[in-house]
């Protein structure tokens, strides 16, 4: 995960090993610890997947928000606006993640024989207008709040922004109580 301090020798060592790099852009960006050289990894044939790191590292876990960070950081790193396309980033978030898990035969793309895993994204908000390229709008403008429905293995887990398998209010209340207990135990 991260691999934000890789140099050309490191990329060469990873080439051909079957290693996947899980790029979590916002944690290292927040900490100022470096940028994963995605273009060099992809050019070397190394699979790159995306992750969110952890809320403690970046104050959130919004993979959709982090898509734009991948693209922006690569453009800054390389000083080149075309170094990584929106389509490259979307592939890293989907089939790249499936490859990293060794599950690309089951998930990561919509095709016959694979599980029905997908999200439905609302495109009626102002940041979706105009939409000349829906993939570019998704990568550069969307956030997790635009996700309307989530289906995993054909099972609807969220519909119309309402979780169907989890009591969200109960989970949030338990999380708040756990944080308060942590503060109390640590004296923060």
N, C-alpha and C. Protein backbone atom coordinates (compact mmCIF):
# COMPACT_ATOMS: atom_id res chain seq x y z
N UNK A 1 0.85 -1.18 0.00
CA UNK A 1 0.00 0.00 0.00
C UNK A 1 0.89 1.23 0.00
N UNK A 2 0.41 2.26 -0.63
CA UNK A 2 1.07 3.56 -0.76
C UNK A 2 2.20 3.51 -1.78
N UNK A 3 3.33 2.95 -1.43
CA UNK A 3 4.50 2.96 -2.33
C UNK A 3 4.77 4.37 -2.83
N UNK A 4 4.71 5.34 -1.92
CA UNK A 4 4.85 6.73 -2.33
C UNK A 4 6.30 7.20 -2.33
N UNK A 5 7.23 6.33 -2.01
CA UNK A 5 8.64 6.71 -2.03
C UNK A 5 9.43 5.86 -3.03
N UNK A 6 8.75 5.36 -4.05
CA UNK A 6 9.42 4.51 -5.04
C UNK A 6 10.28 5.33 -5.99
N UNK A 7 11.45 4.78 -6.32
CA UNK A 7 12.25 5.38 -7.38
C UNK A 7 12.28 4.39 -8.55
N UNK A 8 12.98 4.72 -9.60
CA UNK A 8 13.02 3.88 -10.81
C UNK A 8 13.54 2.48 -10.51
N UNK A 9 14.51 2.35 -9.62
CA UNK A 9 15.03 1.02 -9.26
C UNK A 9 13.96 0.18 -8.56
N UNK A 10 13.17 0.81 -7.70
CA UNK A 10 12.09 0.09 -7.01
C UNK A 10 11.05 -0.41 -8.00
N UNK A 11 10.68 0.45 -8.94
CA UNK A 11 9.70 0.05 -9.96
C UNK A 11 10.26 -1.12 -10.76
N UNK A 12 11.54 -1.07 -11.11
CA UNK A 12 12.16 -2.16 -11.86
C UNK A 12 12.14 -3.46 -11.05
N UNK A 13 12.35 -3.38 -9.74
CA UNK A 13 12.30 -4.57 -8.90
C UNK A 13 10.90 -5.19 -8.85
N UNK A 14 9.88 -4.35 -8.90
CA UNK A 14 8.50 -4.84 -8.86
C UNK A 14 8.05 -5.46 -10.19
N UNK A 15 8.65 -5.01 -11.28
CA UNK A 15 8.26 -5.48 -12.61
C UNK A 15 8.35 -7.01 -12.69
N UNK A 16 7.28 -7.63 -13.18
CA UNK A 16 7.29 -9.06 -13.41
C UNK A 16 7.10 -9.92 -12.17
N UNK A 17 6.88 -9.33 -11.01
CA UNK A 17 6.73 -10.11 -9.78
C UNK A 17 5.28 -10.49 -9.49
N UNK A 18 4.34 -9.89 -10.21
CA UNK A 18 2.93 -10.12 -9.93
C UNK A 18 2.41 -9.26 -8.79
N UNK A 19 3.25 -8.35 -8.33
CA UNK A 19 2.87 -7.45 -7.25
C UNK A 19 1.82 -6.46 -7.73
N UNK A 20 0.87 -6.18 -6.87
CA UNK A 20 -0.07 -5.09 -7.10
C UNK A 20 0.24 -3.99 -6.09
N UNK A 21 0.17 -2.76 -6.55
CA UNK A 21 0.33 -1.62 -5.67
C UNK A 21 -1.05 -1.03 -5.42
N UNK A 22 -1.42 -0.87 -4.16
CA UNK A 22 -2.69 -0.25 -3.80
C UNK A 22 -2.38 1.20 -3.44
N UNK A 23 -2.77 2.08 -4.32
CA UNK A 23 -2.48 3.51 -4.17
C UNK A 23 -3.59 4.16 -3.37
N UNK A 24 -3.21 4.73 -2.23
CA UNK A 24 -4.14 5.46 -1.35
C UNK A 24 -3.64 6.90 -1.35
N UNK A 25 -4.15 7.75 -2.24
CA UNK A 25 -3.51 9.05 -2.46
C UNK A 25 -3.67 10.08 -1.36
N UNK A 26 -4.80 10.10 -0.65
CA UNK A 26 -5.04 11.23 0.24
C UNK A 26 -4.32 11.15 1.57
N UNK A 27 -4.05 9.96 2.09
CA UNK A 27 -3.29 9.85 3.34
C UNK A 27 -1.89 10.41 3.18
N UNK A 28 -1.10 9.90 2.22
CA UNK A 28 0.23 10.46 2.02
C UNK A 28 0.21 11.93 1.62
N UNK A 29 -0.83 12.36 0.88
CA UNK A 29 -0.92 13.78 0.50
C UNK A 29 -1.10 14.63 1.75
N UNK A 30 -1.98 14.19 2.65
CA UNK A 30 -2.21 14.94 3.89
C UNK A 30 -0.94 14.99 4.75
N UNK A 31 -0.22 13.87 4.77
CA UNK A 31 0.98 13.78 5.61
C UNK A 31 2.23 14.33 4.91
N UNK A 32 2.11 14.64 3.62
CA UNK A 32 3.26 15.16 2.89
C UNK A 32 4.35 14.13 2.69
N UNK A 33 3.95 12.85 2.59
CA UNK A 33 4.96 11.79 2.53
C UNK A 33 5.29 11.30 1.13
N UNK A 34 4.69 11.87 0.10
CA UNK A 34 5.07 11.49 -1.25
C UNK A 34 3.90 11.10 -2.10
N UNK A 35 4.22 10.87 -3.38
CA UNK A 35 3.21 10.51 -4.37
C UNK A 35 3.65 9.23 -5.08
N UNK A 36 2.76 8.27 -5.13
CA UNK A 36 3.04 7.02 -5.83
C UNK A 36 3.21 7.30 -7.32
N UNK A 37 4.27 6.80 -7.95
CA UNK A 37 4.49 7.05 -9.38
C UNK A 37 3.64 6.12 -10.26
N UNK A 38 2.37 6.43 -10.34
CA UNK A 38 1.41 5.54 -11.01
C UNK A 38 1.79 5.29 -12.46
N UNK A 39 2.12 6.32 -13.21
CA UNK A 39 2.43 6.13 -14.64
C UNK A 39 3.61 5.19 -14.81
N UNK A 40 4.64 5.34 -13.99
CA UNK A 40 5.82 4.46 -14.09
C UNK A 40 5.42 3.02 -13.78
N UNK A 41 4.56 2.83 -12.78
CA UNK A 41 4.10 1.48 -12.43
C UNK A 41 3.30 0.87 -13.57
N UNK A 42 2.35 1.63 -14.11
CA UNK A 42 1.54 1.11 -15.22
C UNK A 42 2.40 0.81 -16.43
N UNK A 43 3.35 1.70 -16.75
CA UNK A 43 4.24 1.47 -17.88
C UNK A 43 5.09 0.22 -17.69
N UNK A 44 5.38 -0.14 -16.44
CA UNK A 44 6.17 -1.34 -16.13
C UNK A 44 5.30 -2.59 -16.07
N UNK A 45 4.00 -2.44 -16.34
CA UNK A 45 3.10 -3.59 -16.33
C UNK A 45 2.66 -4.00 -14.94
N UNK A 46 2.79 -3.11 -13.98
CA UNK A 46 2.42 -3.40 -12.59
C UNK A 46 0.98 -2.98 -12.37
N UNK A 47 0.19 -3.86 -11.81
CA UNK A 47 -1.21 -3.53 -11.53
C UNK A 47 -1.28 -2.50 -10.42
N UNK A 48 -2.10 -1.48 -10.64
CA UNK A 48 -2.34 -0.46 -9.62
C UNK A 48 -3.82 -0.46 -9.29
N UNK A 49 -4.11 -0.59 -8.00
CA UNK A 49 -5.47 -0.52 -7.49
C UNK A 49 -5.57 0.73 -6.61
N UNK A 50 -6.79 1.08 -6.22
CA UNK A 50 -6.98 2.26 -5.39
C UNK A 50 -7.57 1.88 -4.05
N UNK A 51 -7.19 2.63 -3.03
CA UNK A 51 -7.74 2.47 -1.70
C UNK A 51 -7.93 3.84 -1.08
N UNK A 52 -8.52 3.86 0.11
CA UNK A 52 -8.76 5.13 0.79
C UNK A 52 -7.87 5.34 1.99
N UNK A 53 -7.03 4.37 2.32
CA UNK A 53 -6.22 4.43 3.53
C UNK A 53 -7.16 4.29 4.72
N UNK A 54 -7.18 5.23 5.60
CA UNK A 54 -8.04 5.14 6.79
C UNK A 54 -8.47 6.53 7.19
N UNK A 55 -9.58 6.60 7.86
CA UNK A 55 -10.09 7.90 8.30
C UNK A 55 -9.08 8.62 9.18
N UNK A 56 -8.28 7.89 9.94
CA UNK A 56 -7.28 8.52 10.79
C UNK A 56 -6.18 9.18 9.97
N UNK A 57 -5.96 8.69 8.76
CA UNK A 57 -4.90 9.24 7.91
C UNK A 57 -5.38 10.37 7.02
N UNK A 58 -6.66 10.37 6.65
CA UNK A 58 -7.12 11.38 5.70
C UNK A 58 -8.49 11.97 6.03
N UNK A 59 -8.99 11.69 7.21
CA UNK A 59 -10.29 12.21 7.67
C UNK A 59 -11.45 11.77 6.79
N UNK A 60 -11.36 10.61 6.21
CA UNK A 60 -12.47 10.12 5.41
C UNK A 60 -12.13 8.81 4.75
N UNK A 61 -13.11 8.25 4.11
CA UNK A 61 -12.91 7.00 3.37
C UNK A 61 -13.81 7.03 2.14
N UNK A 62 -13.70 8.10 1.38
CA UNK A 62 -14.53 8.31 0.20
C UNK A 62 -13.71 7.99 -1.04
N UNK A 63 -13.81 6.76 -1.52
CA UNK A 63 -13.03 6.35 -2.69
C UNK A 63 -13.38 7.18 -3.91
N UNK A 64 -14.64 7.56 -4.06
CA UNK A 64 -15.03 8.36 -5.22
C UNK A 64 -14.31 9.71 -5.16
N UNK A 65 -14.27 10.34 -4.00
CA UNK A 65 -13.54 11.60 -3.85
C UNK A 65 -12.06 11.40 -4.19
N UNK A 66 -11.50 10.28 -3.78
CA UNK A 66 -10.08 10.04 -3.96
C UNK A 66 -9.70 9.78 -5.42
N UNK A 67 -10.67 9.47 -6.27
CA UNK A 67 -10.35 9.27 -7.69
C UNK A 67 -9.68 10.51 -8.26
N UNK A 68 -10.24 11.67 -7.98
CA UNK A 68 -9.67 12.90 -8.53
C UNK A 68 -8.27 13.16 -7.98
N UNK A 69 -8.05 12.76 -6.71
CA UNK A 69 -6.72 12.93 -6.14
C UNK A 69 -5.67 12.13 -6.90
N UNK A 70 -6.03 10.93 -7.31
CA UNK A 70 -5.09 10.11 -8.09
C UNK A 70 -4.67 10.88 -9.34
N UNK A 71 -5.66 11.34 -10.08
CA UNK A 71 -5.37 12.04 -11.33
C UNK A 71 -4.61 13.34 -11.07
N UNK A 72 -5.05 14.14 -10.12
CA UNK A 72 -4.40 15.42 -9.86
C UNK A 72 -2.95 15.24 -9.42
N UNK A 73 -2.72 14.32 -8.48
CA UNK A 73 -1.36 14.14 -7.98
C UNK A 73 -0.42 13.65 -9.08
N UNK A 74 -0.90 12.78 -9.95
CA UNK A 74 -0.04 12.29 -11.04
C UNK A 74 0.32 13.42 -12.00
N UNK A 75 -0.64 14.28 -12.28
CA UNK A 75 -0.39 15.41 -13.18
C UNK A 75 0.63 16.36 -12.56
N UNK A 76 0.53 16.58 -11.24
CA UNK A 76 1.51 17.42 -10.56
C UNK A 76 2.89 16.75 -10.53
N UNK A 77 2.91 15.47 -10.23
CA UNK A 77 4.18 14.74 -10.15
C UNK A 77 4.93 14.78 -11.47
N UNK A 78 4.21 14.55 -12.56
CA UNK A 78 4.84 14.46 -13.88
C UNK A 78 4.85 15.79 -14.64
N UNK A 79 4.17 16.80 -14.11
CA UNK A 79 4.04 18.09 -14.81
C UNK A 79 3.48 17.88 -16.22
N UNK A 80 2.48 17.00 -16.28
CA UNK A 80 1.90 16.63 -17.58
C UNK A 80 0.41 16.35 -17.38
N UNK A 81 -0.47 17.13 -18.01
CA UNK A 81 -1.91 16.96 -17.78
C UNK A 81 -2.53 15.69 -18.35
N UNK A 82 -1.81 15.01 -19.23
CA UNK A 82 -2.39 13.81 -19.85
C UNK A 82 -1.77 12.52 -19.34
N UNK A 83 -0.96 12.59 -18.29
CA UNK A 83 -0.21 11.42 -17.83
C UNK A 83 -1.10 10.27 -17.39
N UNK A 84 -2.22 10.57 -16.74
CA UNK A 84 -3.18 9.55 -16.33
C UNK A 84 -4.57 10.06 -16.69
N UNK A 85 -5.31 9.26 -17.44
CA UNK A 85 -6.64 9.68 -17.87
C UNK A 85 -7.70 9.29 -16.84
N UNK A 86 -8.86 9.87 -16.99
CA UNK A 86 -9.99 9.50 -16.13
C UNK A 86 -10.30 8.01 -16.29
N UNK A 87 -10.19 7.52 -17.50
CA UNK A 87 -10.45 6.10 -17.75
C UNK A 87 -9.42 5.22 -17.04
N UNK A 88 -8.13 5.64 -17.04
CA UNK A 88 -7.10 4.90 -16.29
C UNK A 88 -7.46 4.82 -14.81
N UNK A 89 -7.90 5.94 -14.25
CA UNK A 89 -8.23 6.01 -12.83
C UNK A 89 -9.42 5.11 -12.52
N UNK A 90 -10.45 5.14 -13.36
CA UNK A 90 -11.62 4.28 -13.14
C UNK A 90 -11.23 2.80 -13.23
N UNK A 91 -10.35 2.45 -14.14
CA UNK A 91 -9.87 1.07 -14.23
C UNK A 91 -9.13 0.66 -12.96
N UNK A 92 -8.33 1.55 -12.40
CA UNK A 92 -7.62 1.24 -11.16
C UNK A 92 -8.61 0.97 -10.03
N UNK A 93 -9.72 1.73 -10.01
CA UNK A 93 -10.71 1.60 -8.94
C UNK A 93 -11.59 0.37 -9.10
N UNK A 94 -11.64 -0.21 -10.29
CA UNK A 94 -12.53 -1.34 -10.54
C UNK A 94 -11.73 -2.62 -10.80
N UNK A 95 -11.36 -2.86 -12.03
CA UNK A 95 -10.67 -4.10 -12.38
C UNK A 95 -9.28 -4.16 -11.73
N UNK A 96 -8.64 -3.01 -11.52
CA UNK A 96 -7.35 -3.00 -10.84
C UNK A 96 -7.46 -3.53 -9.42
N UNK A 97 -8.52 -3.11 -8.72
CA UNK A 97 -8.76 -3.62 -7.37
C UNK A 97 -9.06 -5.10 -7.37
N UNK A 98 -9.85 -5.54 -8.35
CA UNK A 98 -10.16 -6.97 -8.46
C UNK A 98 -8.90 -7.79 -8.71
N UNK A 99 -8.01 -7.28 -9.57
CA UNK A 99 -6.74 -7.99 -9.84
C UNK A 99 -5.89 -8.08 -8.57
N UNK A 100 -5.84 -6.99 -7.82
CA UNK A 100 -5.04 -6.97 -6.58
C UNK A 100 -5.53 -8.02 -5.60
N UNK A 101 -6.83 -8.28 -5.60
CA UNK A 101 -7.41 -9.29 -4.71
C UNK A 101 -7.38 -10.69 -5.31
N UNK A 102 -6.95 -10.82 -6.56
CA UNK A 102 -6.97 -12.11 -7.24
C UNK A 102 -8.38 -12.55 -7.59
N UNK A 103 -9.29 -11.59 -7.73
CA UNK A 103 -10.70 -11.90 -7.99
C UNK A 103 -11.20 -11.34 -9.32
N UNK A 104 -10.29 -10.97 -10.20
CA UNK A 104 -10.71 -10.34 -11.45
C UNK A 104 -11.52 -11.28 -12.35
N UNK A 105 -11.51 -12.58 -12.07
CA UNK A 105 -12.36 -13.50 -12.82
C UNK A 105 -13.80 -13.45 -12.32
N UNK A 106 -14.02 -12.84 -11.14
CA UNK A 106 -15.36 -12.77 -10.55
C UNK A 106 -15.94 -11.36 -10.48
N UNK A 107 -15.08 -10.36 -10.28
CA UNK A 107 -15.53 -8.99 -10.05
C UNK A 107 -14.63 -8.01 -10.79
N UNK A 108 -15.00 -6.75 -10.73
CA UNK A 108 -14.15 -5.70 -11.28
C UNK A 108 -14.61 -5.16 -12.62
N UNK A 109 -15.52 -5.86 -13.25
CA UNK A 109 -16.09 -5.40 -14.52
C UNK A 109 -17.46 -6.05 -14.68
N UNK A 110 -18.29 -5.42 -15.46
CA UNK A 110 -19.63 -5.96 -15.72
C UNK A 110 -19.55 -6.76 -17.01
N UNK A 111 -19.66 -8.08 -16.88
CA UNK A 111 -19.64 -8.96 -18.05
C UNK A 111 -20.23 -10.31 -17.67
N UNK A 112 -20.67 -11.07 -18.67
CA UNK A 112 -21.29 -12.37 -18.38
C UNK A 112 -20.36 -13.26 -17.55
N UNK A 113 -20.96 -13.93 -16.57
CA UNK A 113 -20.21 -14.85 -15.73
C UNK A 113 -19.63 -14.24 -14.48
N UNK A 114 -19.65 -12.90 -14.38
CA UNK A 114 -19.14 -12.25 -13.18
C UNK A 114 -20.29 -11.87 -12.27
N UNK A 115 -19.96 -11.65 -11.02
CA UNK A 115 -20.97 -11.24 -10.03
C UNK A 115 -21.54 -9.88 -10.40
N UNK A 116 -22.77 -9.67 -10.02
CA UNK A 116 -23.42 -8.39 -10.28
C UNK A 116 -23.06 -7.41 -9.18
N UNK A 117 -21.87 -6.81 -9.29
CA UNK A 117 -21.39 -5.80 -8.35
C UNK A 117 -21.34 -4.48 -9.10
N UNK A 118 -22.13 -3.50 -8.65
CA UNK A 118 -22.10 -2.20 -9.31
C UNK A 118 -22.72 -1.15 -8.42
N UNK A 119 -22.47 0.10 -8.79
CA UNK A 119 -23.10 1.22 -8.11
C UNK A 119 -23.94 1.98 -9.13
N UNK A 120 -24.96 2.66 -8.64
CA UNK A 120 -25.75 3.57 -9.45
C UNK A 120 -25.42 4.96 -8.94
N UNK A 121 -25.03 5.84 -9.85
CA UNK A 121 -24.59 7.18 -9.49
C UNK A 121 -25.60 8.20 -9.99
N UNK A 122 -25.98 9.10 -9.11
CA UNK A 122 -26.88 10.19 -9.50
C UNK A 122 -26.08 11.23 -10.27
N UNK A 123 -26.62 11.66 -11.38
CA UNK A 123 -25.93 12.65 -12.22
C UNK A 123 -26.77 13.91 -12.40
N UNK A 124 -27.69 14.16 -11.46
CA UNK A 124 -28.58 15.31 -11.60
C UNK A 124 -28.13 16.54 -10.80
N UNK A 125 -26.99 16.48 -10.16
CA UNK A 125 -26.48 17.61 -9.38
C UNK A 125 -25.76 18.60 -10.31
N UNK A 126 -25.63 19.85 -9.89
CA UNK A 126 -24.99 20.86 -10.74
C UNK A 126 -23.58 20.50 -11.20
N UNK A 127 -22.81 19.79 -10.36
CA UNK A 127 -21.43 19.48 -10.76
C UNK A 127 -21.36 18.44 -11.88
N UNK A 128 -22.48 17.91 -12.29
CA UNK A 128 -22.52 16.98 -13.42
C UNK A 128 -22.87 17.70 -14.74
N UNK A 129 -23.07 19.00 -14.69
CA UNK A 129 -23.47 19.75 -15.88
C UNK A 129 -22.36 20.72 -16.26
N UNK A 130 -21.91 20.71 -17.51
CA UNK A 130 -22.30 19.79 -18.57
C UNK A 130 -21.55 18.47 -18.44
N UNK A 131 -22.08 17.45 -19.06
CA UNK A 131 -21.44 16.15 -19.06
C UNK A 131 -21.11 15.76 -20.50
N UNK A 132 -19.89 16.07 -20.90
CA UNK A 132 -19.42 15.67 -22.21
C UNK A 132 -18.83 14.27 -22.15
N UNK A 133 -18.23 13.95 -21.00
CA UNK A 133 -17.61 12.65 -20.79
C UNK A 133 -18.00 12.19 -19.38
N UNK A 134 -18.96 11.24 -19.27
CA UNK A 134 -19.40 10.82 -17.95
C UNK A 134 -18.29 10.25 -17.08
N UNK A 135 -17.31 9.58 -17.66
CA UNK A 135 -16.21 9.04 -16.87
C UNK A 135 -15.40 10.19 -16.28
N UNK A 136 -15.12 11.21 -17.08
CA UNK A 136 -14.37 12.37 -16.57
C UNK A 136 -15.16 13.08 -15.48
N UNK A 137 -16.46 13.26 -15.66
CA UNK A 137 -17.26 13.88 -14.61
C UNK A 137 -17.22 13.05 -13.34
N UNK A 138 -17.32 11.74 -13.48
CA UNK A 138 -17.29 10.86 -12.30
C UNK A 138 -15.96 11.00 -11.57
N UNK A 139 -14.86 10.96 -12.30
CA UNK A 139 -13.54 11.02 -11.68
C UNK A 139 -13.25 12.39 -11.10
N UNK A 140 -13.54 13.45 -11.84
CA UNK A 140 -13.12 14.79 -11.43
C UNK A 140 -14.15 15.56 -10.61
N UNK A 141 -15.44 15.19 -10.68
CA UNK A 141 -16.46 16.00 -10.03
C UNK A 141 -17.25 15.27 -8.95
N UNK A 142 -17.36 13.98 -9.03
CA UNK A 142 -18.25 13.24 -8.13
C UNK A 142 -17.62 13.02 -6.75
N UNK A 143 -18.49 12.71 -5.80
CA UNK A 143 -18.07 12.26 -4.47
C UNK A 143 -18.93 11.06 -4.12
N UNK A 144 -18.62 10.43 -3.02
CA UNK A 144 -19.42 9.29 -2.57
C UNK A 144 -20.88 9.66 -2.35
N UNK A 145 -21.15 10.93 -2.08
CA UNK A 145 -22.53 11.38 -1.88
C UNK A 145 -23.37 11.25 -3.15
N UNK A 146 -22.72 11.10 -4.30
CA UNK A 146 -23.45 10.92 -5.56
C UNK A 146 -23.90 9.48 -5.77
N UNK A 147 -23.38 8.56 -4.96
CA UNK A 147 -23.77 7.15 -5.10
C UNK A 147 -25.18 6.98 -4.54
N UNK A 148 -26.08 6.53 -5.39
CA UNK A 148 -27.48 6.36 -5.02
C UNK A 148 -27.78 4.95 -4.55
N UNK A 149 -27.21 3.96 -5.24
CA UNK A 149 -27.49 2.55 -4.92
C UNK A 149 -26.22 1.72 -5.08
N UNK A 150 -26.14 0.66 -4.28
CA UNK A 150 -25.01 -0.26 -4.32
C UNK A 150 -25.56 -1.68 -4.39
N UNK A 151 -25.06 -2.46 -5.36
CA UNK A 151 -25.45 -3.86 -5.52
C UNK A 151 -24.18 -4.71 -5.48
N UNK A 152 -24.16 -5.71 -4.62
CA UNK A 152 -23.01 -6.62 -4.51
C UNK A 152 -23.54 -8.04 -4.67
N UNK A 153 -22.97 -8.76 -5.63
CA UNK A 153 -23.40 -10.13 -5.94
C UNK A 153 -24.91 -10.19 -6.15
N UNK A 154 -25.44 -9.15 -6.77
CA UNK A 154 -26.87 -9.11 -7.06
C UNK A 154 -27.74 -8.70 -5.89
N UNK A 155 -27.15 -8.47 -4.72
CA UNK A 155 -27.91 -8.08 -3.53
C UNK A 155 -27.83 -6.57 -3.33
N UNK A 156 -28.98 -5.93 -3.20
CA UNK A 156 -29.04 -4.48 -3.02
C UNK A 156 -28.66 -4.14 -1.57
N UNK A 157 -27.52 -3.44 -1.41
CA UNK A 157 -27.05 -3.06 -0.08
C UNK A 157 -27.43 -1.63 0.27
N UNK A 158 -27.65 -0.81 -0.77
CA UNK A 158 -28.11 0.56 -0.57
C UNK A 158 -29.00 0.92 -1.75
N UNK A 159 -30.13 1.53 -1.45
CA UNK A 159 -31.05 1.95 -2.50
C UNK A 159 -31.60 3.32 -2.14
N UNK A 160 -31.59 4.23 -3.10
CA UNK A 160 -32.04 5.61 -2.85
C UNK A 160 -31.32 6.21 -1.64
N UNK A 161 -30.03 5.91 -1.54
CA UNK A 161 -29.15 6.40 -0.47
C UNK A 161 -29.52 5.89 0.92
N UNK A 162 -30.28 4.82 0.99
CA UNK A 162 -30.66 4.23 2.27
C UNK A 162 -30.04 2.83 2.34
N UNK A 163 -29.28 2.57 3.41
CA UNK A 163 -28.69 1.25 3.60
C UNK A 163 -29.80 0.24 3.87
N UNK A 164 -29.70 -0.93 3.25
CA UNK A 164 -30.76 -1.93 3.39
C UNK A 164 -30.39 -3.08 4.32
N UNK A 165 -29.12 -3.19 4.69
CA UNK A 165 -28.69 -4.32 5.52
C UNK A 165 -28.09 -3.89 6.85
N UNK A 166 -27.95 -2.60 7.06
CA UNK A 166 -27.32 -2.07 8.27
C UNK A 166 -28.18 -0.95 8.82
N UNK A 167 -28.33 -0.92 10.14
CA UNK A 167 -29.02 0.18 10.80
C UNK A 167 -28.00 1.31 10.98
N UNK A 168 -28.02 2.24 10.06
CA UNK A 168 -26.99 3.30 10.03
C UNK A 168 -27.00 4.13 11.31
N UNK A 169 -28.15 4.49 11.81
CA UNK A 169 -28.21 5.29 13.03
C UNK A 169 -27.60 4.55 14.22
N UNK A 170 -27.86 3.25 14.31
CA UNK A 170 -27.29 2.45 15.41
C UNK A 170 -25.76 2.40 15.29
N UNK A 171 -25.26 2.17 14.08
CA UNK A 171 -23.82 2.10 13.87
C UNK A 171 -23.17 3.44 14.22
N UNK A 172 -23.78 4.54 13.78
CA UNK A 172 -23.23 5.86 14.09
C UNK A 172 -23.25 6.13 15.59
N UNK A 173 -24.32 5.75 16.25
CA UNK A 173 -24.40 5.94 17.71
C UNK A 173 -23.32 5.11 18.41
N UNK A 174 -23.12 3.87 17.97
CA UNK A 174 -22.08 3.03 18.57
C UNK A 174 -20.69 3.62 18.32
N UNK A 175 -20.47 4.16 17.14
CA UNK A 175 -19.17 4.76 16.82
C UNK A 175 -18.93 5.99 17.69
N UNK A 176 -19.94 6.82 17.84
CA UNK A 176 -19.80 8.00 18.70
C UNK A 176 -19.50 7.59 20.14
N UNK A 177 -20.19 6.58 20.64
CA UNK A 177 -19.96 6.10 22.00
C UNK A 177 -18.54 5.53 22.14
N UNK A 178 -18.08 4.83 21.13
CA UNK A 178 -16.72 4.27 21.17
C UNK A 178 -15.68 5.37 21.21
N UNK A 179 -15.90 6.44 20.45
CA UNK A 179 -14.96 7.57 20.46
C UNK A 179 -14.95 8.24 21.83
N UNK A 180 -16.14 8.45 22.39
CA UNK A 180 -16.20 9.05 23.73
C UNK A 180 -15.49 8.19 24.75
N UNK A 181 -15.66 6.88 24.68
CA UNK A 181 -14.99 5.96 25.62
C UNK A 181 -13.48 6.01 25.41
N UNK A 182 -13.03 6.12 24.17
CA UNK A 182 -11.60 6.22 23.87
C UNK A 182 -11.03 7.50 24.47
N UNK A 183 -11.72 8.61 24.27
CA UNK A 183 -11.27 9.86 24.85
C UNK A 183 -11.18 9.77 26.37
N UNK A 184 -12.18 9.15 26.97
CA UNK A 184 -12.20 9.02 28.42
C UNK A 184 -11.01 8.18 28.91
N UNK A 185 -10.78 7.04 28.24
CA UNK A 185 -9.67 6.15 28.65
C UNK A 185 -8.31 6.80 28.46
N UNK A 186 -8.16 7.61 27.43
CA UNK A 186 -6.85 8.18 27.12
C UNK A 186 -6.64 9.56 27.71
N UNK A 187 -7.72 10.14 28.26
CA UNK A 187 -7.57 11.46 28.86
C UNK A 187 -7.50 12.58 27.85
N UNK A 188 -7.90 12.32 26.62
CA UNK A 188 -7.87 13.36 25.59
C UNK A 188 -9.05 14.30 25.81
